[in-house]
Amino acid sequence: MNNNSYASDTAQARQKMENMKYEVANEVGVNLKKGYNGDLTSKEAGYVGGNMVKKMIEQVERSMANK
């Protein structure tokens, strides 16, 4: 894998994570906005992060079940 391919894959992964963050925040009712979100409580931020992890685990489990 060359550096350009790695950089492209990394950028795509970051974008997917960013999209998931906003999707999950919307699902759980946390008002996440583009840019600075320092006004979120620790509970709200943890709720978004925890649900992102849960969603990623579910995706991996589905992926493994289909192999």
C-alpha atoms as a PDB file:
ATOM      1  CA  MET A   1       0.000   0.000   0.000  1.00  0.00           C
ATOM      2  CA  ASN A   2       1.503   3.308  -0.984  1.00  0.00           C
ATOM      3  CA  ASN A   3       1.260   6.505   1.039  1.00  0.00           C
ATOM      4  CA  ASN A   4      -1.363   8.086  -1.250  1.00  0.00           C
ATOM      5  CA  SER A   5      -3.642   5.065  -0.900  1.00  0.00           C
ATOM      6  CA  TYR A   6      -3.183   5.061   2.879  1.00  0.00           C
ATOM      7  CA  ALA A   7      -3.951   8.782   3.101  1.00  0.00           C
ATOM      8  CA  SER A   8      -7.055   8.318   0.961  1.00  0.00           C
ATOM      9  CA  ASP A   9      -8.267   5.380   3.063  1.00  0.00           C
ATOM     10  CA  THR A  10      -7.615   7.331   6.259  1.00  0.00           C
ATOM     11  CA  ALA A  11      -9.513  10.369   4.983  1.00  0.00           C
ATOM     12  CA  GLN A  12     -12.450   8.176   3.988  1.00  0.00           C
ATOM     13  CA  ALA A  13     -12.479   6.458   7.387  1.00  0.00           C
ATOM     14  CA  ARG A  14     -12.416   9.823   9.171  1.00  0.00           C
ATOM     15  CA  GLN A  15     -15.311  11.071   7.067  1.00  0.00           C
ATOM     16  CA  LYS A  16     -17.344   7.931   7.796  1.00  0.00           C
ATOM     17  CA  MET A  17     -16.713   8.351  11.532  1.00  0.00           C
ATOM     18  CA  GLU A  18     -17.698  12.018  11.343  1.00  0.00           C
ATOM     19  CA  ASN A  19     -20.922  11.114   9.535  1.00  0.00           C
ATOM     20  CA  MET A  20     -21.675   8.389  12.084  1.00  0.00           C
ATOM     21  CA  LYS A  21     -21.121  10.842  14.934  1.00  0.00           C
ATOM     22  CA  TYR A  22     -23.794  13.204  13.615  1.00  0.00           C
ATOM     23  CA  GLU A  23     -26.134  10.336  12.754  1.00  0.00           C
ATOM     24  CA  VAL A  24     -25.870   8.869  16.260  1.00  0.00           C
ATOM     25  CA  ALA A  25     -26.199  12.285  17.926  1.00  0.00           C
ATOM     26  CA  ASN A  26     -29.385  12.865  15.964  1.00  0.00           C
ATOM     27  CA  GLU A  27     -30.726   9.413  16.899  1.00  0.00           C
ATOM     28  CA  VAL A  28     -30.152   9.935  20.622  1.00  0.00           C
ATOM     29  CA  GLY A  29     -31.349  13.550  20.669  1.00  0.00           C
ATOM     30  CA  VAL A  30     -28.037  15.305  21.317  1.00  0.00           C
ATOM     31  CA  ASN A  31     -27.726  18.684  19.598  1.00  0.00           C
ATOM     32  CA  LEU A  32     -24.360  18.286  17.893  1.00  0.00           C
ATOM     33  CA  LYS A  33     -23.301  21.084  15.606  1.00  0.00           C
ATOM     34  CA  LYS A  34     -20.448  21.487  13.120  1.00  0.00           C
ATOM     35  CA  GLY A  35     -17.321  22.822  14.772  1.00  0.00           C
ATOM     36  CA  TYR A  36     -17.075  23.531  18.486  1.00  0.00           C
ATOM     37  CA  ASN A  37     -19.236  21.449  20.829  1.00  0.00           C
ATOM     38  CA  GLY A  38     -17.651  22.363  24.138  1.00  0.00           C
ATOM     39  CA  ASP A  39     -21.062  23.173  25.545  1.00  0.00           C
ATOM     40  CA  LEU A  40     -22.042  19.482  25.584  1.00  0.00           C
ATOM     41  CA  THR A  41     -22.114  17.822  28.964  1.00  0.00           C
ATOM     42  CA  SER A  42     -19.835  14.856  29.602  1.00  0.00           C
ATOM     43  CA  LYS A  43     -22.959  12.719  29.779  1.00  0.00           C
ATOM     44  CA  GLU A  44     -24.113  13.833  26.319  1.00  0.00           C
ATOM     45  CA  ALA A  45     -20.682  13.349  24.742  1.00  0.00           C
ATOM     46  CA  GLY A  46     -20.340   9.939  26.382  1.00  0.00           C
ATOM     47  CA  TYR A  47     -23.790   8.945  25.208  1.00  0.00           C
ATOM     48  CA  VAL A  48     -22.873   9.756  21.596  1.00  0.00           C
ATOM     49  CA  GLY A  49     -19.488   8.012  21.832  1.00  0.00           C
ATOM     50  CA  GLY A  50     -20.909   4.958  23.562  1.00  0.00           C
ATOM     51  CA  ASN A  51     -23.642   4.566  20.990  1.00  0.00           C
ATOM     52  CA  MET A  52     -21.081   4.938  18.180  1.00  0.00           C
ATOM     53  CA  VAL A  53     -19.082   2.056  19.654  1.00  0.00           C
ATOM     54  CA  LYS A  54     -22.239  -0.019  20.042  1.00  0.00           C
ATOM     55  CA  LYS A  55     -23.156   0.626  16.403  1.00  0.00           C
ATOM     56  CA  MET A  56     -19.630  -0.278  15.189  1.00  0.00           C
ATOM     57  CA  ILE A  57     -19.687  -3.545  17.154  1.00  0.00           C
ATOM     58  CA  GLU A  58     -23.077  -4.409  15.652  1.00  0.00           C
ATOM     59  CA  GLN A  59     -21.709  -3.735  12.150  1.00  0.00           C
ATOM     60  CA  VAL A  60     -18.682  -5.988  12.730  1.00  0.00           C
ATOM     61  CA  GLU A  61     -20.866  -8.749  14.160  1.00  0.00           C
ATOM     62  CA  ARG A  62     -23.159  -8.585  11.115  1.00  0.00           C
ATOM     63  CA  SER A  63     -20.134  -8.603   8.824  1.00  0.00           C
ATOM     64  CA  MET A  64     -18.679 -11.658  10.578  1.00  0.00           C
ATOM     65  CA  ALA A  65     -22.017 -13.505  10.481  1.00  0.00           C
ATOM     66  CA  ASN A  66     -22.186 -13.029   6.707  1.00  0.00           C
ATOM     67  CA  LYS A  67     -18.814 -14.677   6.056  1.00  0.00           C
END
